[in-house]
Protein backbone atom coordinates (compact mmCIF):
# COMPACT_ATOMS: atom_id res chain seq x y z
CA MET A 1 -51.99 39.39 6.41
CA SER A 2 -49.53 38.51 9.26
CA LYS A 3 -46.30 36.47 8.42
CA VAL A 4 -47.78 33.58 9.71
CA GLU A 5 -51.19 33.67 7.71
CA GLU A 6 -49.09 34.37 4.74
CA PHE A 7 -46.81 31.23 5.13
CA GLU A 8 -49.99 28.97 6.33
CA GLU A 9 -51.78 29.89 2.94
CA LEU A 10 -48.53 28.68 1.01
CA ARG A 11 -47.35 25.89 3.15
CA PRO A 12 -49.41 23.30 0.97
CA LEU A 13 -47.64 24.64 -2.11
CA LEU A 14 -44.38 24.38 -0.24
CA PHE A 15 -44.89 21.05 0.82
CA SER A 16 -45.94 19.79 -2.66
CA ILE A 17 -42.69 21.23 -4.16
CA ALA A 18 -40.49 19.79 -1.47
CA TYR A 19 -42.20 16.36 -1.45
CA ARG A 20 -41.65 16.01 -5.24
CA ILE A 21 -37.79 16.83 -5.13
CA LEU A 22 -36.95 14.92 -2.08
CA GLY A 23 -39.52 11.93 -2.09
CA SER A 24 -39.88 12.20 1.66
CA VAL A 25 -42.26 13.25 3.71
CA GLY A 26 -40.43 13.67 6.80
CA GLU A 27 -37.72 15.50 4.81
CA ALA A 28 -40.20 17.69 3.17
CA GLU A 29 -41.90 18.73 6.37
CA ASP A 30 -38.50 19.67 7.78
CA ALA A 31 -37.81 21.75 4.64
CA VAL A 32 -40.83 23.66 5.18
CA GLN A 33 -40.04 24.09 8.59
CA GLU A 34 -36.65 25.70 7.89
CA THR A 35 -38.43 27.86 5.03
CA TRP A 36 -40.76 29.41 7.91
CA LEU A 37 -37.60 30.03 10.09
CA ARG A 38 -35.77 31.94 7.47
CA PHE A 39 -38.88 33.71 6.41
CA ASP A 40 -39.48 34.73 10.07
CA ALA A 41 -35.94 35.68 10.84
CA SER A 42 -36.06 38.13 7.48
CA THR A 43 -36.13 41.80 8.21
CA THR A 44 -37.10 42.71 4.59
CA ARG A 45 -40.32 42.22 3.10
CA PRO A 46 -39.88 40.33 -0.51
CA VAL A 47 -41.72 41.92 -3.62
CA SER A 48 -43.40 38.44 -3.86
CA VAL A 49 -44.00 36.12 -0.79
CA LYS A 50 -44.69 33.01 -2.91
CA ALA A 51 -41.68 33.54 -5.12
CA PHE A 52 -39.42 34.06 -2.10
CA LEU A 53 -40.78 31.15 -0.14
CA SER A 54 -40.82 28.99 -3.11
CA ALA A 55 -37.49 29.72 -3.97
CA THR A 56 -36.19 29.24 -0.49
CA VAL A 57 -37.94 25.62 -0.02
CA THR A 58 -36.40 24.87 -3.31
CA ARG A 59 -32.75 25.54 -2.41
CA ILE A 60 -33.23 23.80 1.00
CA SER A 61 -34.39 20.71 -0.72
CA ILE A 62 -31.50 20.71 -3.18
CA ASP A 63 -29.21 20.80 -0.30
CA VAL A 64 -30.90 18.05 1.31
CA LEU A 65 -31.39 16.17 -1.72
CA ARG A 66 -27.70 16.10 -2.57
CA SER A 67 -26.64 14.40 0.78
CA ALA A 68 -29.79 12.08 0.55
CA ARG A 69 -28.49 10.78 -2.80
CA VAL A 70 -25.22 9.71 -1.12
CA ARG A 71 -27.16 7.64 1.52
CA ARG A 72 -29.67 6.29 -1.17
CA GLU A 73 -26.36 4.46 -2.82
CA THR A 74 -25.73 2.56 0.23
CA TYR A 75 -29.32 1.91 0.92
CA ALA A 76 -30.29 -1.71 1.67
CA GLY A 77 -32.48 -3.19 -0.87
CA ALA A 78 -34.84 -1.26 -3.25
CA TRP A 79 -35.40 2.49 -2.29
CA LEU A 80 -39.08 3.68 -2.72
CA PRO A 81 -40.52 7.01 -2.05
CA GLU A 82 -42.37 7.73 1.25
CA PRO A 83 -46.14 6.77 0.80
CA LEU A 84 -48.16 10.05 0.62
CA LEU A 85 -51.89 9.53 1.20
CA ASN A 86 -52.99 13.36 0.40
CA ASP A 87 -51.24 15.81 -1.50
CA PRO A 88 -52.17 19.06 0.39
CA TYR A 89 -51.77 21.26 -2.60
CA GLU A 90 -54.60 21.47 -5.44
CA ASP A 91 -54.93 23.30 -8.48
CA PRO A 92 -57.71 22.41 -10.63
CA GLU A 93 -56.10 23.99 -13.92
CA ARG A 94 -53.05 21.42 -13.32
CA ALA A 95 -54.65 18.48 -11.83
CA ALA A 96 -53.37 16.10 -14.42
CA GLU A 97 -49.75 17.28 -13.74
CA LEU A 98 -50.16 17.19 -10.20
CA ALA A 99 -51.30 13.70 -10.00
CA ASP A 100 -48.84 12.23 -12.37
CA SER A 101 -45.87 14.07 -10.81
CA VAL A 102 -46.54 12.71 -7.44
CA SER A 103 -47.11 8.75 -8.42
CA MET A 104 -44.33 6.35 -7.28
CA ALA A 105 -43.32 5.64 -10.63
CA ALA A 106 -42.81 9.53 -11.45
CA LEU A 107 -40.70 9.93 -8.37
CA LEU A 108 -38.67 7.26 -9.33
CA LEU A 109 -38.12 8.53 -12.70
CA LEU A 110 -37.17 11.75 -11.16
CA GLU A 111 -34.38 10.10 -9.18
CA ARG A 112 -32.55 9.76 -12.64
CA LEU A 113 -32.16 13.65 -12.69
CA SER A 114 -29.42 15.62 -10.72
CA PRO A 115 -30.77 17.92 -8.01
CA LEU A 116 -30.87 20.98 -10.35
CA GLU A 117 -32.56 19.24 -13.19
CA ARG A 118 -35.33 17.50 -10.73
CA SER A 119 -35.81 20.83 -9.48
CA VAL A 120 -36.25 22.90 -12.42
CA PHE A 121 -38.64 20.11 -13.91
CA VAL A 122 -40.64 20.11 -10.71
CA LEU A 123 -40.96 23.91 -10.61
CA ARG A 124 -41.70 24.12 -14.38
CA GLU A 125 -43.55 21.27 -15.48
CA VAL A 126 -45.69 20.42 -12.37
CA PHE A 127 -46.15 24.19 -10.92
CA ALA A 128 -45.91 26.11 -14.11
CA PHE A 129 -43.16 28.38 -12.42
CA GLY A 130 -41.87 31.32 -15.04
CA PHE A 131 -38.01 30.80 -16.06
CA GLU A 132 -37.27 34.01 -14.00
CA GLU A 133 -38.44 32.56 -10.75
CA ILE A 134 -36.90 29.26 -11.41
CA ALA A 135 -33.51 30.95 -12.13
CA SER A 136 -33.71 32.88 -8.98
CA ALA A 137 -34.57 29.50 -7.08
CA VAL A 138 -32.05 27.38 -8.20
CA GLY A 139 -29.37 30.12 -8.51
CA ARG A 140 -28.87 29.82 -12.30
CA SER A 141 -29.22 31.73 -15.35
CA GLU A 142 -32.60 31.35 -17.30
CA ALA A 143 -30.53 29.90 -20.35
CA ALA A 144 -29.05 27.40 -18.11
CA CYS A 145 -32.59 26.51 -16.60
CA ARG A 146 -33.88 25.87 -19.97
CA GLN A 147 -31.06 23.74 -20.66
CA LEU A 148 -31.63 21.64 -17.53
CA LEU A 149 -35.30 21.29 -18.57
CA VAL A 150 -34.67 19.93 -21.73
CA ARG A 151 -32.26 17.32 -20.36
CA ALA A 152 -34.95 16.50 -17.65
CA ARG A 153 -37.50 16.17 -20.18
CA ARG A 154 -35.50 13.86 -22.23
CA HIS A 155 -34.75 11.61 -19.11
CA MET A 156 -38.47 11.52 -17.98
CA SER A 157 -39.60 10.87 -21.67
CA GLU A 158 -37.46 7.62 -21.64
CA GLY A 159 -39.32 6.39 -18.89
CA ARG A 160 -43.11 5.13 -18.21
CA PRO A 161 -45.81 6.72 -19.89
CA ARG A 162 -48.58 8.84 -18.28
CA PHE A 163 -51.26 6.73 -16.57
CA GLU A 164 -54.07 6.82 -18.89
CA ALA A 165 -56.59 4.88 -16.84
CA ASP A 166 -59.42 7.27 -15.40
CA ARG A 167 -60.29 7.19 -11.52
CA ARG A 168 -63.19 4.99 -11.87
CA GLU A 169 -61.47 2.21 -13.99
CA ARG A 170 -58.69 2.35 -11.55
CA GLN A 171 -60.96 1.86 -8.49
CA GLU A 172 -62.83 -0.77 -10.21
CA LEU A 173 -59.77 -2.73 -11.00
CA SER A 174 -57.87 -2.20 -7.65
CA ALA A 175 -61.20 -3.29 -5.83
CA ARG A 176 -61.00 -6.58 -7.85
CA PHE A 177 -57.46 -6.94 -7.02
CA PHE A 178 -57.92 -6.66 -3.09
CA GLU A 179 -60.90 -8.93 -3.10
CA ALA A 180 -58.68 -11.41 -5.01
CA LEU A 181 -55.87 -10.66 -2.52
CA SER A 182 -58.29 -11.29 0.35
CA GLN A 183 -59.20 -14.82 -1.00
CA GLY A 184 -55.87 -15.81 -2.00
CA ASP A 185 -57.18 -16.07 -5.71
CA VAL A 186 -54.01 -16.98 -7.77
CA GLY A 187 -55.99 -16.93 -11.04
CA GLY A 188 -58.21 -13.87 -10.07
CA LEU A 189 -55.01 -11.90 -9.18
CA GLN A 190 -53.05 -12.95 -12.15
CA SER A 191 -55.85 -11.87 -14.77
CA LEU A 192 -55.23 -8.27 -13.35
CA LEU A 193 -51.61 -8.15 -13.66
CA SER A 194 -49.51 -7.46 -16.86
CA ALA A 195 -47.19 -10.11 -18.05
CA ASP A 196 -44.17 -8.30 -17.01
CA VAL A 197 -45.53 -6.77 -13.80
CA GLN A 198 -42.91 -6.20 -10.89
CA PHE A 199 -43.54 -6.50 -7.30
CA VAL A 200 -41.08 -4.42 -5.34
CA GLY A 201 -40.57 -3.95 -1.47
CA ASP A 202 -38.58 -1.53 0.43
CA GLY A 203 -37.52 -2.59 4.04
CA GLY A 204 -34.36 -0.47 3.98
CA GLY A 205 -32.76 -3.46 6.16
CA LYS A 206 -35.05 -2.52 8.87
CA ALA A 207 -37.92 -4.91 8.20
CA PRO A 208 -38.55 -8.24 6.53
CA GLN A 209 -37.89 -7.38 2.61
CA LEU A 210 -37.86 -9.11 -0.72
CA ALA A 211 -34.05 -10.25 -1.74
CA LYS A 212 -34.88 -8.53 -5.16
CA ALA A 213 -38.18 -7.88 -7.14
CA VAL A 214 -40.37 -10.34 -8.10
CA VAL A 215 -41.22 -10.41 -11.89
CA GLY A 216 -44.14 -11.77 -13.91
CA ALA A 217 -47.81 -12.45 -13.58
CA GLN A 218 -47.82 -15.93 -12.26
CA ASN A 219 -44.91 -15.20 -9.84
CA VAL A 220 -46.34 -12.23 -8.27
CA ALA A 221 -49.78 -13.87 -8.07
CA ARG A 222 -48.32 -16.87 -6.20
CA LEU A 223 -46.59 -14.65 -3.79
CA LEU A 224 -49.66 -12.61 -2.87
CA ALA A 225 -51.81 -15.39 -2.85
CA SER A 226 -49.68 -17.42 -0.48
CA VAL A 227 -48.92 -14.50 1.85
CA TYR A 228 -51.96 -12.39 2.60
CA PRO A 229 -54.47 -15.08 3.32
CA VAL A 230 -51.98 -16.30 6.12
CA MET A 231 -51.72 -12.63 7.25
CA ALA A 232 -55.71 -12.33 7.53
CA ARG A 233 -55.49 -15.24 10.07
CA ILE A 234 -53.44 -13.35 12.45
CA GLU A 235 -55.67 -10.43 12.20
CA ILE A 236 -53.83 -8.17 9.76
CA THR A 237 -56.30 -5.78 8.16
CA PHE A 238 -56.06 -3.24 5.18
CA GLU A 239 -57.67 -0.02 4.34
CA GLN A 240 -57.75 1.05 0.78
CA HIS A 241 -56.28 4.28 0.10
CA GLU A 242 -55.01 6.39 -2.86
CA ILE A 243 -51.10 6.13 -2.36
CA ASN A 244 -49.39 8.84 -4.18
CA GLY A 245 -52.43 9.43 -6.29
CA GLN A 246 -52.75 5.68 -7.42
CA PRO A 247 -54.78 3.01 -5.82
CA GLY A 248 -53.31 1.36 -2.75
CA ALA A 249 -53.85 0.22 0.73
CA VAL A 250 -52.44 0.76 4.21
CA PHE A 251 -52.09 -2.67 6.17
CA ARG A 252 -52.19 -2.67 9.87
CA ASP A 253 -51.75 -5.33 12.65
CA ARG A 254 -54.16 -6.31 15.24
CA ASP A 255 -53.59 -3.34 17.26
CA GLY A 256 -54.11 -0.98 14.41
CA LYS A 257 -50.59 -0.12 14.03
CA VAL A 258 -49.26 0.43 10.31
CA LEU A 259 -47.42 -2.40 8.82
CA HIS A 260 -47.13 -1.53 5.33
CA SER A 261 -48.29 0.49 2.37
CA LEU A 262 -48.99 -1.00 -1.17
CA ALA A 263 -49.33 1.03 -4.34
CA LEU A 264 -50.41 -0.06 -7.60
CA ASP A 265 -49.46 1.43 -10.94
CA VAL A 266 -52.25 0.93 -13.37
CA LEU A 267 -52.18 1.38 -17.09
CA ASP A 268 -53.95 -0.02 -20.20
CA GLY A 269 -56.38 -1.80 -17.70
CA GLN A 270 -53.69 -3.92 -15.87
CA ILE A 271 -51.52 -3.49 -13.00
CA GLN A 272 -47.85 -2.87 -14.06
CA ALA A 273 -46.18 -2.56 -10.78
CA ILE A 274 -46.91 -3.34 -7.18
CA ARG A 275 -44.82 -1.23 -4.53
CA SER A 276 -44.73 -2.07 -1.01
CA VAL A 277 -43.04 0.22 1.67
CA ILE A 278 -42.47 -1.61 4.88
CA ASN A 279 -39.40 0.36 6.02
CA PRO A 280 -40.54 1.77 9.61
CA ASP A 281 -38.97 4.97 9.20
CA LYS A 282 -40.99 5.77 6.04
CA LEU A 283 -44.21 5.01 7.84
CA GLY A 284 -44.33 7.10 11.06
CA HIS A 285 -46.32 9.82 9.33
CA LEU A 286 -49.12 7.60 8.89
CA GLY A 287 -49.65 6.47 12.64
CA PRO A 288 -47.99 4.20 15.08
CA VAL A 289 -45.97 1.57 13.49
CA ALA A 290 -46.02 -2.25 13.86
CA ASP A 291 -42.95 -4.49 14.58
CA ALA A 292 -42.66 -6.07 11.16
CA TRP A 293 -40.02 -8.67 12.45
CA ALA A 294 -42.70 -9.91 15.05
CA VAL A 295 -45.54 -9.93 12.71
CA SER A 296 -43.01 -12.04 10.11
CA GLN A 297 -42.32 -14.54 12.94
CA GLU A 298 -46.26 -14.88 13.62
CA VAL A 299 -46.90 -15.50 9.83
CA LYS A 300 -44.31 -18.53 9.64
CA GLN A 301 -45.91 -19.66 12.71
CA ALA A 302 -49.55 -19.52 11.28
CA ARG A 303 -47.86 -21.15 8.28
CA ARG A 304 -46.70 -24.00 10.04
CA ARG A 305 -49.80 -24.71 11.93
CA MET A 306 -51.88 -24.44 8.46
CA GLY A 307 -49.44 -26.85 7.22
């Protein structure tokens, strides 16, 4: 195969590694592109193209993450990963690990790790790389990588458990959720939410956002039931999608532009968390982005007319 063909064959894997390290679609795509430029400029052929490209995209992602972490410390409001509709990399033997690792909950847990811990964890636990390959990718000894993995596993185990709901159960629960949402059914929504459910919004200071997370089934149900029926009156629609491997939806304005995404964490037959990304900088890969401020004003006007 030519260099281009070899690279394109591995592109899904490279993107999937970079996205899990960075939590950003745009930054992951940039890391993959930079990897291609370095591969194309290389005058020597690596023994393993996969190992070379994986190591290169990992190193680039680590550098990007270090600067991104500084930006996230001053981020306006809650920070959430960029919503991902489809993970391009598939491996039937590691389907469970791949699905778990791309969820919003898992990516937020990964934020607890240092860039090196995060990279080692992703390469080993998600993609099953050997320690020799991991050591080469992150520039540490194999012994050091094993220690990094131990620390990373400890931090991750302190977080949420793995998602245990099967696909059919998740789909049925999400269908009931979105039906109740469309109808503004407080009771119907509340029955699907865990007692300590959290609703978190990410506007990044560039779109209307919650001042803080809304907690509790009754509070979240009332909030959702008060907002979405009004949005429907001004022709806001939604399409159900898997968002980061979990049930969710993409909301659009009357012109079909993306307003925000909504992702649901489902565990033990209930919705444990609802995460909404409305920051326009995080939605461009889904299509043309709506003016969330204008929509917010229109919602307020519709409420006044209804009131």
